[in-house]
Each structure stands twice: as C-alpha cells, then as structure tokens.
Amino acid sequence: MTLEDAVRKMTSLPANLLGLYDRGRIAPGMAADIVIFDPNTIQDTATYAKPAVYPTGIDMVLVNGTIAVDHGKGTGELAGEVLRHRSSLKMTGVQ
C-alpha cells in the first residue's frame, strides 16, 4: 500500500462514510485538521501501562487550524469538537 493510499484510508474515506464532508481533505472551506509527520520515524510508543504517551515522528498537529502539538509536545490548546456520524443523530434523536 502506498503512503498516499494509507493516508486516504485514514482521512477522507472514513470522513465521507460518516457524512463528515468538511473533514479528511486539504481544500478551501474544509476544517484544518492536519498532522505533519515523518513516515520514516513515526511510531506508536503507548503501552497498556502508559497509554498517554505521544508517538514519535509526529512534529505538529493542527486541530481546526490551531496548533495542538508542536515539535512532538502538546500545547494545551483544545480546539477540537465532538463529531458524530450524521445518520446516527437521526437514530438517537440527538440534535
């Protein structure tokens, strides 16, 4: 699998399946959720004993255009929001 295909399968594909059409792609009018990473060094370092450990190889994360991780360290910014599957809102009655 190519890196591009892997990224698509983790971003735009699930976003579209969930009806979140303003997510998963970099384009005008889209939410700016971006992860800048080094594909040669990215690695999950969390364990069951230490689940809140940042992975290596991720330099920056932007959530709604706000920097949430900078040089691999959390900034404390909380720019995210709860996203729900569009059709699940109808099934649960959540507005």
PDB file of N, CA and C in Angstrom:
ATOM      1  N   MET A   1       0.853  -1.165   0.000  1.00  0.00           N
ATOM      2  CA  MET A   1       0.000   0.000   0.000  1.00  0.00           C
ATOM      3  C   MET A   1       0.905   1.235   0.000  1.00  0.00           C
ATOM      4  N   THR A   2       0.547   2.220  -0.801  1.00  0.00           N
ATOM      5  CA  THR A   2       1.328   3.454  -0.839  1.00  0.00           C
ATOM      6  C   THR A   2       0.992   4.325   0.360  1.00  0.00           C
ATOM      7  N   LEU A   3       1.883   5.252   0.689  1.00  0.00           N
ATOM      8  CA  LEU A   3       1.633   6.191   1.774  1.00  0.00           C
ATOM      9  C   LEU A   3       0.373   7.010   1.484  1.00  0.00           C
ATOM     10  N   GLU A   4       0.218   7.429   0.248  1.00  0.00           N
ATOM     11  CA  GLU A   4      -0.952   8.229  -0.136  1.00  0.00           C
ATOM     12  C   GLU A   4      -2.247   7.460   0.081  1.00  0.00           C
ATOM     13  N   ASP A   5      -2.253   6.180  -0.281  1.00  0.00           N
ATOM     14  CA  ASP A   5      -3.450   5.358  -0.100  1.00  0.00           C
ATOM     15  C   ASP A   5      -3.733   5.147   1.386  1.00  0.00           C
ATOM     16  N   ALA A   6      -2.689   4.933   2.172  1.00  0.00           N
ATOM     17  CA  ALA A   6      -2.866   4.764   3.623  1.00  0.00           C
ATOM     18  C   ALA A   6      -3.453   6.025   4.246  1.00  0.00           C
ATOM     19  N   VAL A   7      -2.958   7.184   3.851  1.00  0.00           N
ATOM     20  CA  VAL A   7      -3.478   8.447   4.384  1.00  0.00           C
ATOM     21  C   VAL A   7      -4.941   8.627   3.993  1.00  0.00           C
ATOM     22  N   ARG A   8      -5.284   8.332   2.736  1.00  0.00           N
ATOM     23  CA  ARG A   8      -6.681   8.451   2.289  1.00  0.00           C
ATOM     24  C   ARG A   8      -7.586   7.534   3.101  1.00  0.00           C
ATOM     25  N   LYS A   9      -7.121   6.311   3.379  1.00  0.00           N
ATOM     26  CA  LYS A   9      -7.929   5.352   4.130  1.00  0.00           C
ATOM     27  C   LYS A   9      -8.114   5.752   5.588  1.00  0.00           C
ATOM     28  N   MET A  10      -7.260   6.662   6.082  1.00  0.00           N
ATOM     29  CA  MET A  10      -7.387   7.134   7.470  1.00  0.00           C
ATOM     30  C   MET A  10      -8.030   8.514   7.564  1.00  0.00           C
ATOM     31  N   THR A  11      -8.292   9.156   6.430  1.00  0.00           N
ATOM     32  CA  THR A  11      -8.784  10.540   6.455  1.00  0.00           C
ATOM     33  C   THR A  11     -10.082  10.704   5.668  1.00  0.00           C
ATOM     34  N   SER A  12      -9.981  10.951   4.374  1.00  0.00           N
ATOM     35  CA  SER A  12     -11.171  11.270   3.585  1.00  0.00           C
ATOM     36  C   SER A  12     -12.139  10.109   3.447  1.00  0.00           C
ATOM     37  N   LEU A  13     -11.645   8.888   3.336  1.00  0.00           N
ATOM     38  CA  LEU A  13     -12.542   7.741   3.186  1.00  0.00           C
ATOM     39  C   LEU A  13     -13.467   7.579   4.388  1.00  0.00           C
ATOM     40  N   PRO A  14     -12.957   7.468   5.621  1.00  0.00           N
ATOM     41  CA  PRO A  14     -13.880   7.336   6.757  1.00  0.00           C
ATOM     42  C   PRO A  14     -14.716   8.597   6.984  1.00  0.00           C
ATOM     43  N   ALA A  15     -14.141   9.775   6.724  1.00  0.00           N
ATOM     44  CA  ALA A  15     -14.921  11.004   6.893  1.00  0.00           C
ATOM     45  C   ALA A  15     -16.140  10.990   5.977  1.00  0.00           C
ATOM     46  N   ASN A  16     -15.948  10.610   4.733  1.00  0.00           N
ATOM     47  CA  ASN A  16     -17.066  10.548   3.789  1.00  0.00           C
ATOM     48  C   ASN A  16     -18.077   9.484   4.189  1.00  0.00           C
ATOM     49  N   LEU A  17     -17.600   8.333   4.640  1.00  0.00           N
ATOM     50  CA  LEU A  17     -18.514   7.273   5.068  1.00  0.00           C
ATOM     51  C   LEU A  17     -19.374   7.710   6.254  1.00  0.00           C
ATOM     52  N   LEU A  18     -18.819   8.583   7.094  1.00  0.00           N
ATOM     53  CA  LEU A  18     -19.551   9.086   8.259  1.00  0.00           C
ATOM     54  C   LEU A  18     -20.347  10.351   7.956  1.00  0.00           C
ATOM     55  N   GLY A  19     -20.295  10.815   6.715  1.00  0.00           N
ATOM     56  CA  GLY A  19     -21.042  12.011   6.339  1.00  0.00           C
ATOM     57  C   GLY A  19     -20.387  13.297   6.816  1.00  0.00           C
ATOM     58  N   LEU A  20     -19.103  13.251   7.139  1.00  0.00           N
ATOM     59  CA  LEU A  20     -18.365  14.432   7.607  1.00  0.00           C
ATOM     60  C   LEU A  20     -17.613  15.018   6.415  1.00  0.00           C
ATOM     61  N   TYR A  21     -18.348  15.664   5.530  1.00  0.00           N
ATOM     62  CA  TYR A  21     -17.806  16.088   4.252  1.00  0.00           C
ATOM     63  C   TYR A  21     -16.870  17.280   4.341  1.00  0.00           C
ATOM     64  N   ASP A  22     -16.794  17.949   5.497  1.00  0.00           N
ATOM     65  CA  ASP A  22     -15.862  19.059   5.666  1.00  0.00           C
ATOM     66  C   ASP A  22     -14.561  18.606   6.331  1.00  0.00           C
ATOM     67  N   ARG A  23     -14.324  17.298   6.381  1.00  0.00           N
ATOM     68  CA  ARG A  23     -13.135  16.720   7.025  1.00  0.00           C
ATOM     69  C   ARG A  23     -12.428  15.778   6.059  1.00  0.00           C
ATOM     70  N   GLY A  24     -11.144  15.528   6.337  1.00  0.00           N
ATOM     71  CA  GLY A  24     -10.427  14.478   5.634  1.00  0.00           C
ATOM     72  C   GLY A  24      -9.687  14.894   4.383  1.00  0.00           C
ATOM     73  N   ARG A  25      -9.791  16.149   3.969  1.00  0.00           N
ATOM     74  CA  ARG A  25      -9.063  16.640   2.795  1.00  0.00           C
ATOM     75  C   ARG A  25      -8.545  18.032   3.087  1.00  0.00           C
ATOM     76  N   ILE A  26      -7.488  18.420   2.389  1.00  0.00           N
ATOM     77  CA  ILE A  26      -6.973  19.789   2.481  1.00  0.00           C
ATOM     78  C   ILE A  26      -7.497  20.534   1.264  1.00  0.00           C
ATOM     79  N   ALA A  27      -8.439  21.438   1.501  1.00  0.00           N
ATOM     80  CA  ALA A  27      -9.053  22.218   0.430  1.00  0.00           C
ATOM     81  C   ALA A  27      -9.746  23.420   1.057  1.00  0.00           C
ATOM     82  N   PRO A  28      -9.995  24.474   0.275  1.00  0.00           N
ATOM     83  CA  PRO A  28     -10.699  25.642   0.811  1.00  0.00           C
ATOM     84  C   PRO A  28     -12.047  25.246   1.404  1.00  0.00           C
ATOM     85  N   GLY A  29     -12.383  25.810   2.555  1.00  0.00           N
ATOM     86  CA  GLY A  29     -13.654  25.559   3.211  1.00  0.00           C
ATOM     87  C   GLY A  29     -13.679  24.330   4.104  1.00  0.00           C
ATOM     88  N   MET A  30     -12.596  23.565   4.108  1.00  0.00           N
ATOM     89  CA  MET A  30     -12.534  22.353   4.934  1.00  0.00           C
ATOM     90  C   MET A  30     -11.972  22.710   6.305  1.00  0.00           C
ATOM     91  N   ALA A  31     -12.297  21.906   7.316  1.00  0.00           N
ATOM     92  CA  ALA A  31     -11.711  22.072   8.641  1.00  0.00           C
ATOM     93  C   ALA A  31     -10.216  21.776   8.539  1.00  0.00           C
ATOM     94  N   ALA A  32      -9.403  22.565   9.195  1.00  0.00           N
ATOM     95  CA  ALA A  32      -7.947  22.404   9.101  1.00  0.00           C
ATOM     96  C   ALA A  32      -7.449  21.455  10.185  1.00  0.00           C
ATOM     97  N   ASP A  33      -7.694  20.169   9.996  1.00  0.00           N
ATOM     98  CA  ASP A  33      -7.163  19.121  10.868  1.00  0.00           C
ATOM     99  C   ASP A  33      -6.011  18.479  10.110  1.00  0.00           C
ATOM    100  N   ILE A  34      -4.778  18.753  10.545  1.00  0.00           N
ATOM    101  CA  ILE A  34      -3.597  18.335   9.795  1.00  0.00           C
ATOM    102  C   ILE A  34      -2.573  17.730  10.747  1.00  0.00           C
ATOM    103  N   VAL A  35      -1.966  16.618  10.338  1.00  0.00           N
ATOM    104  CA  VAL A  35      -0.867  16.001  11.080  1.00  0.00           C
ATOM    105  C   VAL A  35       0.365  16.036  10.186  1.00  0.00           C
ATOM    106  N   ILE A  36       1.443  16.629  10.696  1.00  0.00           N
ATOM    107  CA  ILE A  36       2.704  16.671   9.964  1.00  0.00           C
ATOM    108  C   ILE A  36       3.623  15.635  10.608  1.00  0.00           C
ATOM    109  N   PHE A  37       4.014  14.640   9.817  1.00  0.00           N
ATOM    110  CA  PHE A  37       4.787  13.533  10.375  1.00  0.00           C
ATOM    111  C   PHE A  37       5.890  13.096   9.427  1.00  0.00           C
ATOM    112  N   ASP A  38       6.863  12.389   9.985  1.00  0.00           N
ATOM    113  CA  ASP A  38       7.949  11.802   9.213  1.00  0.00           C
ATOM    114  C   ASP A  38       7.623  10.323   9.031  1.00  0.00           C
ATOM    115  N   PRO A  39       7.338   9.887   7.813  1.00  0.00           N
ATOM    116  CA  PRO A  39       6.956   8.487   7.608  1.00  0.00           C
ATOM    117  C   PRO A  39       8.063   7.499   7.961  1.00  0.00           C
ATOM    118  N   ASN A  40       9.297   7.963   8.047  1.00  0.00           N
ATOM    119  CA  ASN A  40      10.409   7.070   8.381  1.00  0.00           C
ATOM    120  C   ASN A  40      10.577   6.864   9.885  1.00  0.00           C
ATOM    121  N   THR A  41      10.015   7.766  10.691  1.00  0.00           N
ATOM    122  CA  THR A  41      10.234   7.661  12.142  1.00  0.00           C
ATOM    123  C   THR A  41       8.958   7.558  12.957  1.00  0.00           C
ATOM    124  N   ILE A  42       7.797   7.643  12.314  1.00  0.00           N
ATOM    125  CA  ILE A  42       6.544   7.600  13.074  1.00  0.00           C
ATOM    126  C   ILE A  42       6.381   6.233  13.742  1.00  0.00           C
ATOM    127  N   GLN A  43       6.040   6.269  15.029  1.00  0.00           N
ATOM    128  CA  GLN A  43       5.893   5.021  15.782  1.00  0.00           C
ATOM    129  C   GLN A  43       5.031   5.279  17.009  1.00  0.00           C
ATOM    130  N   ASP A  44       4.094   4.385  17.245  1.00  0.00           N
ATOM    131  CA  ASP A  44       3.267   4.438  18.444  1.00  0.00           C
ATOM    132  C   ASP A  44       4.101   3.949  19.624  1.00  0.00           C
ATOM    133  N   THR A  45       4.215   4.759  20.666  1.00  0.00           N
ATOM    134  CA  THR A  45       5.022   4.384  21.825  1.00  0.00           C
ATOM    135  C   THR A  45       4.173   4.109  23.062  1.00  0.00           C
ATOM    136  N   ALA A  46       2.856   4.239  22.938  1.00  0.00           N
ATOM    137  CA  ALA A  46       1.972   3.993  24.077  1.00  0.00           C
ATOM    138  C   ALA A  46       1.897   2.504  24.378  1.00  0.00           C
ATOM    139  N   THR A  47       1.675   2.205  25.649  1.00  0.00           N
ATOM    140  CA  THR A  47       1.501   0.825  26.092  1.00  0.00           C
ATOM    141  C   THR A  47       0.267   0.769  26.988  1.00  0.00           C
ATOM    142  N   TYR A  48      -0.150  -0.423  27.377  1.00  0.00           N
ATOM    143  CA  TYR A  48      -1.265  -0.527  28.310  1.00  0.00           C
ATOM    144  C   TYR A  48      -0.904   0.118  29.644  1.00  0.00           C
ATOM    145  N   ALA A  49       0.343  -0.014  30.053  1.00  0.00           N
ATOM    146  CA  ALA A  49       0.786   0.574  31.321  1.00  0.00           C
ATOM    147  C   ALA A  49       0.899   2.097  31.230  1.00  0.00           C
ATOM    148  N   LYS A  50       1.282   2.604  30.044  1.00  0.00           N
ATOM    149  CA  LYS A  50       1.434   4.044  29.829  1.00  0.00           C
ATOM    150  C   LYS A  50       0.705   4.443  28.549  1.00  0.00           C
ATOM    151  N   PRO A  51      -0.634   4.556  28.596  1.00  0.00           N
ATOM    152  CA  PRO A  51      -1.397   4.818  27.379  1.00  0.00           C
ATOM    153  C   PRO A  51      -1.327   6.266  26.893  1.00  0.00           C
ATOM    154  N   ALA A  52      -0.956   7.206  27.746  1.00  0.00           N
ATOM    155  CA  ALA A  52      -0.973   8.623  27.376  1.00  0.00           C
ATOM    156  C   ALA A  52       0.412   9.114  26.972  1.00  0.00           C
ATOM    157  N   VAL A  53       1.108   8.344  26.152  1.00  0.00           N
ATOM    158  CA  VAL A  53       2.428   8.716  25.670  1.00  0.00           C
ATOM    159  C   VAL A  53       2.303   9.095  24.195  1.00  0.00           C
ATOM    160  N   TYR A  54       2.865  10.247  23.828  1.00  0.00           N
ATOM    161  CA  TYR A  54       2.795  10.679  22.436  1.00  0.00           C
ATOM    162  C   TYR A  54       3.633   9.758  21.549  1.00  0.00           C
ATOM    163  N   PRO A  55       3.195   9.532  20.319  1.00  0.00           N
ATOM    164  CA  PRO A  55       4.013   8.757  19.386  1.00  0.00           C
ATOM    165  C   PRO A  55       5.232   9.569  18.953  1.00  0.00           C
ATOM    166  N   THR A  56       6.251   8.903  18.449  1.00  0.00           N
ATOM    167  CA  THR A  56       7.395   9.604  17.882  1.00  0.00           C
ATOM    168  C   THR A  56       7.149   9.820  16.397  1.00  0.00           C
ATOM    169  N   GLY A  57       7.861  10.780  15.824  1.00  0.00           N
ATOM    170  CA  GLY A  57       7.770  11.042  14.393  1.00  0.00           C
ATOM    171  C   GLY A  57       6.682  12.011  13.996  1.00  0.00           C
ATOM    172  N   ILE A  58       5.877  12.490  14.955  1.00  0.00           N
ATOM    173  CA  ILE A  58       4.844  13.486  14.657  1.00  0.00           C
ATOM    174  C   ILE A  58       5.350  14.831  15.151  1.00  0.00           C
ATOM    175  N   ASP A  59       5.592  15.744  14.202  1.00  0.00           N
ATOM    176  CA  ASP A  59       6.154  17.040  14.555  1.00  0.00           C
ATOM    177  C   ASP A  59       5.080  18.047  14.950  1.00  0.00           C
ATOM    178  N   MET A  60       3.955  18.043  14.241  1.00  0.00           N
ATOM    179  CA  MET A  60       2.936  19.052  14.501  1.00  0.00           C
ATOM    180  C   MET A  60       1.552  18.500  14.194  1.00  0.00           C
ATOM    181  N   VAL A  61       0.561  18.916  15.004  1.00  0.00           N
ATOM    182  CA  VAL A  61      -0.836  18.580  14.769  1.00  0.00           C
ATOM    183  C   VAL A  61      -1.636  19.867  14.865  1.00  0.00           C
ATOM    184  N   LEU A  62      -2.432  20.136  13.842  1.00  0.00           N
ATOM    185  CA  LEU A  62      -3.344  21.269  13.858  1.00  0.00           C
ATOM    186  C   LEU A  62      -4.764  20.727  13.947  1.00  0.00           C
ATOM    187  N   VAL A  63      -5.541  21.267  14.869  1.00  0.00           N
ATOM    188  CA  VAL A  63      -6.938  20.899  15.043  1.00  0.00           C
ATOM    189  C   VAL A  63      -7.755  22.166  14.816  1.00  0.00           C
ATOM    190  N   ASN A  64      -8.611  22.140  13.817  1.00  0.00           N
ATOM    191  CA  ASN A  64      -9.385  23.326  13.424  1.00  0.00           C
ATOM    192  C   ASN A  64      -8.481  24.536  13.229  1.00  0.00           C
ATOM    193  N   GLY A  65      -7.293  24.296  12.689  1.00  0.00           N
ATOM    194  CA  GLY A  65      -6.360  25.372  12.387  1.00  0.00           C
ATOM    195  C   GLY A  65      -5.541  25.856  13.574  1.00  0.00           C
ATOM    196  N   THR A  66      -5.725  25.259  14.732  1.00  0.00           N
ATOM    197  CA  THR A  66      -4.989  25.633  15.941  1.00  0.00           C
ATOM    198  C   THR A  66      -3.941  24.572  16.236  1.00  0.00           C
ATOM    199  N   ILE A  67      -2.717  25.007  16.547  1.00  0.00           N
ATOM    200  CA  ILE A  67      -1.640  24.050  16.823  1.00  0.00           C
ATOM    201  C   ILE A  67      -1.884  23.380  18.171  1.00  0.00           C
ATOM    202  N   ALA A  68      -2.080  22.062  18.129  1.00  0.00           N
ATOM    203  CA  ALA A  68      -2.325  21.275  19.335  1.00  0.00           C
ATOM    204  C   ALA A  68      -1.071  20.524  19.781  1.00  0.00           C
ATOM    205  N   VAL A  69      -0.202  20.172  18.827  1.00  0.00           N
ATOM    206  CA  VAL A  69       1.081  19.531  19.113  1.00  0.00           C
ATOM    207  C   VAL A  69       2.136  20.274  18.306  1.00  0.00           C
ATOM    208  N   ASP A  70       3.214  20.679  18.978  1.00  0.00           N
ATOM    209  CA  ASP A  70       4.289  21.404  18.317  1.00  0.00           C
ATOM    210  C   ASP A  70       5.614  20.766  18.704  1.00  0.00           C
ATOM    211  N   HIS A  71       6.379  20.341  17.705  1.00  0.00           N
ATOM    212  CA  HIS A  71       7.652  19.643  17.932  1.00  0.00           C
ATOM    213  C   HIS A  71       7.464  18.443  18.860  1.00  0.00           C
ATOM    214  N   GLY A  72       6.361  17.716  18.648  1.00  0.00           N
ATOM    215  CA  GLY A  72       6.110  16.491  19.393  1.00  0.00           C
ATOM    216  C   GLY A  72       5.561  16.670  20.794  1.00  0.00           C
ATOM    217  N   LYS A  73       5.270  17.899  21.201  1.00  0.00           N
ATOM    218  CA  LYS A  73       4.761  18.148  22.557  1.00  0.00           C
ATOM    219  C   LYS A  73       3.411  18.852  22.495  1.00  0.00           C
ATOM    220  N   GLY A  74       2.484  18.446  23.364  1.00  0.00           N
ATOM    221  CA  GLY A  74       1.167  19.064  23.412  1.00  0.00           C
ATOM    222  C   GLY A  74       1.264  20.524  23.823  1.00  0.00           C
ATOM    223  N   THR A  75       0.430  21.373  23.214  1.00  0.00           N
ATOM    224  CA  THR A  75       0.442  22.807  23.528  1.00  0.00           C
ATOM    225  C   THR A  75      -0.600  23.172  24.575  1.00  0.00           C
ATOM    226  N   GLY A  76      -1.525  22.262  24.862  1.00  0.00           N
ATOM    227  CA  GLY A  76      -2.603  22.580  25.798  1.00  0.00           C
ATOM    228  C   GLY A  76      -3.815  23.200  25.122  1.00  0.00           C
ATOM    229  N   GLU A  77      -3.714  23.497  23.827  1.00  0.00           N
ATOM    230  CA  GLU A  77      -4.841  24.063  23.085  1.00  0.00           C
ATOM    231  C   GLU A  77      -5.908  22.994  22.889  1.00  0.00           C
ATOM    232  N   LEU A  78      -7.159  23.361  23.084  1.00  0.00           N
ATOM    233  CA  LEU A  78      -8.281  22.433  22.925  1.00  0.00           C
ATOM    234  C   LEU A  78      -9.242  22.991  21.884  1.00  0.00           C
ATOM    235  N   ALA A  79      -8.897  22.847  20.624  1.00  0.00           N
ATOM    236  CA  ALA A  79      -9.693  23.419  19.537  1.00  0.00           C
ATOM    237  C   ALA A  79     -10.647  22.417  18.905  1.00  0.00           C
ATOM    238  N   GLY A  80     -10.639  21.184  19.380  1.00  0.00           N
ATOM    239  CA  GLY A  80     -11.477  20.145  18.781  1.00  0.00           C
ATOM    240  C   GLY A  80     -12.924  20.265  19.181  1.00  0.00           C
ATOM    241  N   GLU A  81     -13.741  19.459  18.547  1.00  0.00           N
ATOM    242  CA  GLU A  81     -15.158  19.395  18.866  1.00  0.00           C
ATOM    243  C   GLU A  81     -15.632  17.963  18.650  1.00  0.00           C
ATOM    244  N   VAL A  82     -16.708  17.600  19.290  1.00  0.00           N
ATOM    245  CA  VAL A  82     -17.264  16.256  19.128  1.00  0.00           C
ATOM    246  C   VAL A  82     -17.875  16.148  17.734  1.00  0.00           C
ATOM    247  N   LEU A  83     -17.487  15.098  17.005  1.00  0.00           N
ATOM    248  CA  LEU A  83     -18.041  14.833  15.683  1.00  0.00           C
ATOM    249  C   LEU A  83     -18.876  13.574  15.770  1.00  0.00           C
ATOM    250  N   ARG A  84     -20.070  13.633  15.216  1.00  0.00           N
ATOM    251  CA  ARG A  84     -20.955  12.480  15.249  1.00  0.00           C
ATOM    252  C   ARG A  84     -21.330  12.083  13.831  1.00  0.00           C
ATOM    253  N   HIS A  85     -21.518  10.795  13.651  1.00  0.00           N
ATOM    254  CA  HIS A  85     -21.978  10.264  12.373  1.00  0.00           C
ATOM    255  C   HIS A  85     -23.319  10.923  12.074  1.00  0.00           C
ATOM    256  N   ARG A  86     -23.468  11.483  10.893  1.00  0.00           N
ATOM    257  CA  ARG A  86     -24.682  12.242  10.547  1.00  0.00           C
ATOM    258  C   ARG A  86     -25.961  11.415  10.695  1.00  0.00           C
ATOM    259  N   SER A  87     -25.988  10.178  10.206  1.00  0.00           N
ATOM    260  CA  SER A  87     -27.211   9.399  10.286  1.00  0.00           C
ATOM    261  C   SER A  87     -27.489   8.909  11.716  1.00  0.00           C
ATOM    262  N   SER A  88     -26.431   8.783  12.555  1.00  0.00           N
ATOM    263  CA  SER A  88     -26.650   8.335  13.930  1.00  0.00           C
ATOM    264  C   SER A  88     -27.409   9.375  14.732  1.00  0.00           C
ATOM    265  N   LEU A  89     -27.327  10.641  14.313  1.00  0.00           N
ATOM    266  CA  LEU A  89     -28.066  11.694  15.011  1.00  0.00           C
ATOM    267  C   LEU A  89     -29.568  11.462  14.871  1.00  0.00           C
ATOM    268  N   LYS A  90     -30.018  11.005  13.711  1.00  0.00           N
ATOM    269  CA  LYS A  90     -31.425  10.739  13.483  1.00  0.00           C
ATOM    270  C   LYS A  90     -31.884   9.531  14.292  1.00  0.00           C
ATOM    271  N   MET A  91     -31.011   8.501  14.376  1.00  0.00           N
ATOM    272  CA  MET A  91     -31.381   7.286  15.069  1.00  0.00           C
ATOM    273  C   MET A  91     -31.476   7.495  16.579  1.00  0.00           C
ATOM    274  N   THR A  92     -30.617   8.345  17.140  1.00  0.00           N
ATOM    275  CA  THR A  92     -30.576   8.510  18.587  1.00  0.00           C
ATOM    276  C   THR A  92     -31.452   9.667  19.059  1.00  0.00           C
ATOM    277  N   GLY A  93     -31.867  10.499  18.115  1.00  0.00           N
ATOM    278  CA  GLY A  93     -32.661  11.656  18.487  1.00  0.00           C
ATOM    279  C   GLY A  93     -31.819  12.822  18.970  1.00  0.00           C
ATOM    280  N   VAL A  94     -30.480  12.728  18.885  1.00  0.00           N
ATOM    281  CA  VAL A  94     -29.595  13.812  19.305  1.00  0.00           C
ATOM    282  C   VAL A  94     -29.672  14.908  18.274  1.00  0.00           C
ATOM    283  N   GLN A  95     -29.746  16.113  18.727  1.00  0.00           N
ATOM    284  CA  GLN A  95     -29.819  17.267  17.807  1.00  0.00           C
ATOM    285  C   GLN A  95     -28.520  18.014  17.776  1.00  0.00           C
TER     286      GLN A  95
END
